[in-house]
Amino acid sequence: MSSERVFADTNFFLRYLTNDVPEQADAIEQLLKHAADGSLVLITNSLVIAEMVWTLESFYRLPRADVQAKIMAILNTPGLEVVEAETILQAILWYVEKNVDYIDAFNAAWLLNHDLSMILTFNQKHFRRFEQLKVRVPGENG
């Protein structure tokens, strides 16, 4: 018999990571135990991770290193499948290492994972921090 597969949304993880609603965090902890023992498979995606980063930064006002630690914990959760986990991992590392917005780091990692090296953007400040990328500003020669 195969395990039930269910999608876990942003607030699922936020309640657990922040414990700001203890009874919800406790309920999630039970579900995470079921995922760890294989009786349940949790699935999430890159948009959920991006929303978590944004919420932890803007609402909870956590420093980047703390946000990174929480996302790394999610990526290492037994019984959780994270779509594009390798891209997310690279992005959350660059988010701190290169001091760029998470979405810019994700897009840089996504580009490189898809064998793309040229980006059209007006956001030179962040994207020039990725040595592997060539930045082209629309309307400029070259």
C-alpha atoms as a PDB file:
ATOM      1  CA  MET A   1       0.000   0.000   0.000  1.00  0.00           C
ATOM      2  CA  SER A   2       1.437   3.363  -0.974  1.00  0.00           C
ATOM      3  CA  SER A   3       1.598   6.331   1.345  1.00  0.00           C
ATOM      4  CA  GLU A   4      -0.791   9.228   0.948  1.00  0.00           C
ATOM      5  CA  ARG A   5       0.844  12.125  -0.917  1.00  0.00           C
ATOM      6  CA  VAL A   6      -0.221  15.625   0.140  1.00  0.00           C
ATOM      7  CA  PHE A   7       0.903  19.143  -0.673  1.00  0.00           C
ATOM      8  CA  ALA A   8       2.158  21.286   2.206  1.00  0.00           C
ATOM      9  CA  ASP A   9       1.544  25.024   1.837  1.00  0.00           C
ATOM     10  CA  THR A  10       3.530  27.940   3.219  1.00  0.00           C
ATOM     11  CA  ASN A  11       1.557  28.379   6.429  1.00  0.00           C
ATOM     12  CA  PHE A  12       2.070  24.692   7.255  1.00  0.00           C
ATOM     13  CA  PHE A  13       5.812  25.306   7.519  1.00  0.00           C
ATOM     14  CA  LEU A  14       5.569  28.791   9.022  1.00  0.00           C
ATOM     15  CA  ARG A  15       3.398  27.600  11.921  1.00  0.00           C
ATOM     16  CA  TYR A  16       5.929  24.886  12.674  1.00  0.00           C
ATOM     17  CA  LEU A  17       9.065  26.998  12.228  1.00  0.00           C
ATOM     18  CA  THR A  18       7.816  29.971  14.245  1.00  0.00           C
ATOM     19  CA  ASN A  19       5.616  28.143  16.779  1.00  0.00           C
ATOM     20  CA  ASP A  20       3.501  31.314  16.922  1.00  0.00           C
ATOM     21  CA  VAL A  21       0.336  29.207  17.127  1.00  0.00           C
ATOM     22  CA  PRO A  22       1.483  26.347  19.400  1.00  0.00           C
ATOM     23  CA  GLU A  23      -1.526  24.068  18.874  1.00  0.00           C
ATOM     24  CA  GLN A  24      -1.054  24.289  15.088  1.00  0.00           C
ATOM     25  CA  ALA A  25       2.693  23.670  15.459  1.00  0.00           C
ATOM     26  CA  ASP A  26       1.900  20.572  17.541  1.00  0.00           C
ATOM     27  CA  ALA A  27      -0.496  19.265  14.879  1.00  0.00           C
ATOM     28  CA  ILE A  28       2.144  19.812  12.197  1.00  0.00           C
ATOM     29  CA  GLU A  29       4.752  18.051  14.307  1.00  0.00           C
ATOM     30  CA  GLN A  30       2.527  14.958  14.313  1.00  0.00           C
ATOM     31  CA  LEU A  31       2.224  15.112  10.526  1.00  0.00           C
ATOM     32  CA  LEU A  32       5.999  15.484  10.192  1.00  0.00           C
ATOM     33  CA  LYS A  33       6.420  12.337  12.317  1.00  0.00           C
ATOM     34  CA  HIS A  34       4.115  10.478   9.919  1.00  0.00           C
ATOM     35  CA  ALA A  35       6.179  11.761   7.001  1.00  0.00           C
ATOM     36  CA  ALA A  36       9.403  10.651   8.693  1.00  0.00           C
ATOM     37  CA  ASP A  37       8.053   7.137   9.281  1.00  0.00           C
ATOM     38  CA  GLY A  38       6.863   6.888   5.665  1.00  0.00           C
ATOM     39  CA  SER A  39       3.135   6.695   6.337  1.00  0.00           C
ATOM     40  CA  LEU A  40       2.684  10.090   4.664  1.00  0.00           C
ATOM     41  CA  VAL A  41       4.580  11.867   1.891  1.00  0.00           C
ATOM     42  CA  LEU A  42       4.605  15.649   2.016  1.00  0.00           C
ATOM     43  CA  ILE A  43       5.311  17.628  -1.144  1.00  0.00           C
ATOM     44  CA  THR A  44       6.057  21.311  -1.603  1.00  0.00           C
ATOM     45  CA  ASN A  45       7.528  23.541  -4.277  1.00  0.00           C
ATOM     46  CA  SER A  46       9.721  26.543  -4.968  1.00  0.00           C
ATOM     47  CA  LEU A  47       6.887  29.073  -4.697  1.00  0.00           C
ATOM     48  CA  VAL A  48       6.145  27.919  -1.159  1.00  0.00           C
ATOM     49  CA  ILE A  49       9.819  28.289  -0.278  1.00  0.00           C
ATOM     50  CA  ALA A  50       9.939  31.772  -1.853  1.00  0.00           C
ATOM     51  CA  GLU A  51       6.854  32.832   0.108  1.00  0.00           C
ATOM     52  CA  MET A  52       8.426  31.481   3.294  1.00  0.00           C
ATOM     53  CA  VAL A  53      11.622  33.466   2.706  1.00  0.00           C
ATOM     54  CA  TRP A  54       9.624  36.627   2.020  1.00  0.00           C
ATOM     55  CA  THR A  55       7.412  36.146   5.115  1.00  0.00           C
ATOM     56  CA  LEU A  56      10.296  35.289   7.439  1.00  0.00           C
ATOM     57  CA  GLU A  57      12.132  38.420   6.224  1.00  0.00           C
ATOM     58  CA  SER A  58       9.282  40.904   6.066  1.00  0.00           C
ATOM     59  CA  PHE A  59       6.808  39.840   8.767  1.00  0.00           C
ATOM     60  CA  TYR A  60       9.049  38.016  11.248  1.00  0.00           C
ATOM     61  CA  ARG A  61      12.048  40.270  10.489  1.00  0.00           C
ATOM     62  CA  LEU A  62      14.550  37.435  10.720  1.00  0.00           C
ATOM     63  CA  PRO A  63      18.139  37.989   9.614  1.00  0.00           C
ATOM     64  CA  ARG A  64      19.220  36.232   6.413  1.00  0.00           C
ATOM     65  CA  ALA A  65      21.269  33.604   8.238  1.00  0.00           C
ATOM     66  CA  ASP A  66      18.233  32.618  10.331  1.00  0.00           C
ATOM     67  CA  VAL A  67      16.018  32.470   7.244  1.00  0.00           C
ATOM     68  CA  GLN A  68      18.644  30.311   5.551  1.00  0.00           C
ATOM     69  CA  ALA A  69      18.796  27.945   8.547  1.00  0.00           C
ATOM     70  CA  LYS A  70      15.011  27.510   8.525  1.00  0.00           C
ATOM     71  CA  ILE A  71      14.897  26.809   4.785  1.00  0.00           C
ATOM     72  CA  MET A  72      17.777  24.340   5.121  1.00  0.00           C
ATOM     73  CA  ALA A  73      15.795  22.563   7.853  1.00  0.00           C
ATOM     74  CA  ILE A  74      12.813  22.302   5.491  1.00  0.00           C
ATOM     75  CA  LEU A  75      14.999  20.929   2.687  1.00  0.00           C
ATOM     76  CA  ASN A  76      16.320  18.276   5.095  1.00  0.00           C
ATOM     77  CA  THR A  77      12.932  17.183   6.440  1.00  0.00           C
ATOM     78  CA  PRO A  78      12.476  13.389   6.233  1.00  0.00           C
ATOM     79  CA  GLY A  79       9.446  12.418   4.177  1.00  0.00           C
ATOM     80  CA  LEU A  80       9.258  15.773   2.397  1.00  0.00           C
ATOM     81  CA  GLU A  81       9.714  16.020  -1.359  1.00  0.00           C
ATOM     82  CA  VAL A  82      10.690  19.511  -2.465  1.00  0.00           C
ATOM     83  CA  VAL A  83      10.304  20.148  -6.185  1.00  0.00           C
ATOM     84  CA  GLU A  84      13.490  21.788  -7.524  1.00  0.00           C
ATOM     85  CA  ALA A  85      15.289  21.141  -4.223  1.00  0.00           C
ATOM     86  CA  GLU A  86      18.755  21.478  -5.782  1.00  0.00           C
ATOM     87  CA  THR A  87      17.903  24.881  -7.253  1.00  0.00           C
ATOM     88  CA  ILE A  88      16.411  26.014  -3.942  1.00  0.00           C
ATOM     89  CA  LEU A  89      19.487  24.821  -2.056  1.00  0.00           C
ATOM     90  CA  GLN A  90      21.813  26.797  -4.330  1.00  0.00           C
ATOM     91  CA  ALA A  91      19.527  29.828  -4.119  1.00  0.00           C
ATOM     92  CA  ILE A  92      19.354  29.863  -0.309  1.00  0.00           C
ATOM     93  CA  LEU A  93      23.145  29.553  -0.104  1.00  0.00           C
ATOM     94  CA  TRP A  94      23.654  32.438  -2.565  1.00  0.00           C
ATOM     95  CA  TYR A  95      20.953  34.499  -0.822  1.00  0.00           C
ATOM     96  CA  VAL A  96      23.298  34.799   2.167  1.00  0.00           C
ATOM     97  CA  GLU A  97      26.694  34.423   0.470  1.00  0.00           C
ATOM     98  CA  LYS A  98      26.087  37.040  -2.245  1.00  0.00           C
ATOM     99  CA  ASN A  99      23.662  39.193  -0.219  1.00  0.00           C
ATOM    100  CA  VAL A 100      21.007  39.238  -2.932  1.00  0.00           C
ATOM    101  CA  ASP A 101      17.232  38.912  -2.876  1.00  0.00           C
ATOM    102  CA  TYR A 102      16.149  35.275  -2.645  1.00  0.00           C
ATOM    103  CA  ILE A 103      14.223  35.453  -5.929  1.00  0.00           C
ATOM    104  CA  ASP A 104      17.299  36.797  -7.748  1.00  0.00           C
ATOM    105  CA  ALA A 105      19.378  33.976  -6.270  1.00  0.00           C
ATOM    106  CA  PHE A 106      16.727  31.431  -7.276  1.00  0.00           C
ATOM    107  CA  ASN A 107      16.588  32.790 -10.813  1.00  0.00           C
ATOM    108  CA  ALA A 108      20.384  32.708 -11.101  1.00  0.00           C
ATOM    109  CA  ALA A 109      20.449  29.089  -9.906  1.00  0.00           C
ATOM    110  CA  TRP A 110      17.563  28.195 -12.235  1.00  0.00           C
ATOM    111  CA  LEU A 111      19.347  29.765 -15.223  1.00  0.00           C
ATOM    112  CA  LEU A 112      22.528  27.822 -14.573  1.00  0.00           C
ATOM    113  CA  ASN A 113      20.615  24.560 -14.006  1.00  0.00           C
ATOM    114  CA  HIS A 114      19.010  25.076 -17.418  1.00  0.00           C
ATOM    115  CA  ASP A 115      22.300  25.821 -19.195  1.00  0.00           C
ATOM    116  CA  LEU A 116      21.529  29.498 -19.615  1.00  0.00           C
ATOM    117  CA  SER A 117      24.172  32.116 -18.912  1.00  0.00           C
ATOM    118  CA  MET A 118      22.711  35.359 -20.291  1.00  0.00           C
ATOM    119  CA  ILE A 119      20.112  37.384 -18.447  1.00  0.00           C
ATOM    120  CA  LEU A 120      18.254  40.453 -19.659  1.00  0.00           C
ATOM    121  CA  THR A 121      17.651  42.694 -16.676  1.00  0.00           C
ATOM    122  CA  PHE A 122      17.893  46.220 -15.337  1.00  0.00           C
ATOM    123  CA  ASN A 123      18.936  44.730 -11.974  1.00  0.00           C
ATOM    124  CA  GLN A 124      22.670  44.754 -12.653  1.00  0.00           C
ATOM    125  CA  LYS A 125      23.587  45.277  -9.003  1.00  0.00           C
ATOM    126  CA  HIS A 126      22.477  41.809  -7.908  1.00  0.00           C
ATOM    127  CA  PHE A 127      22.965  39.767 -11.045  1.00  0.00           C
ATOM    128  CA  ARG A 128      26.559  40.916 -11.591  1.00  0.00           C
ATOM    129  CA  ARG A 129      27.377  39.140  -8.300  1.00  0.00           C
ATOM    130  CA  PHE A 130      26.961  35.845 -10.141  1.00  0.00           C
ATOM    131  CA  GLU A 131      30.239  35.425 -11.980  1.00  0.00           C
ATOM    132  CA  GLN A 132      28.766  32.624 -14.110  1.00  0.00           C
ATOM    133  CA  LEU A 133      26.150  34.936 -15.637  1.00  0.00           C
ATOM    134  CA  LYS A 134      26.410  37.535 -18.358  1.00  0.00           C
ATOM    135  CA  VAL A 135      24.159  40.492 -17.699  1.00  0.00           C
ATOM    136  CA  ARG A 136      22.640  42.372 -20.605  1.00  0.00           C
ATOM    137  CA  VAL A 137      20.679  45.563 -19.981  1.00  0.00           C
ATOM    138  CA  PRO A 138      17.818  45.994 -22.481  1.00  0.00           C
ATOM    139  CA  GLY A 139      18.485  48.926 -24.805  1.00  0.00           C
ATOM    140  CA  GLU A 140      22.256  48.944 -24.264  1.00  0.00           C
ATOM    141  CA  ASN A 141      24.656  47.869 -26.981  1.00  0.00           C
ATOM    142  CA  GLY A 142      26.360  44.526 -26.631  1.00  0.00           C
END
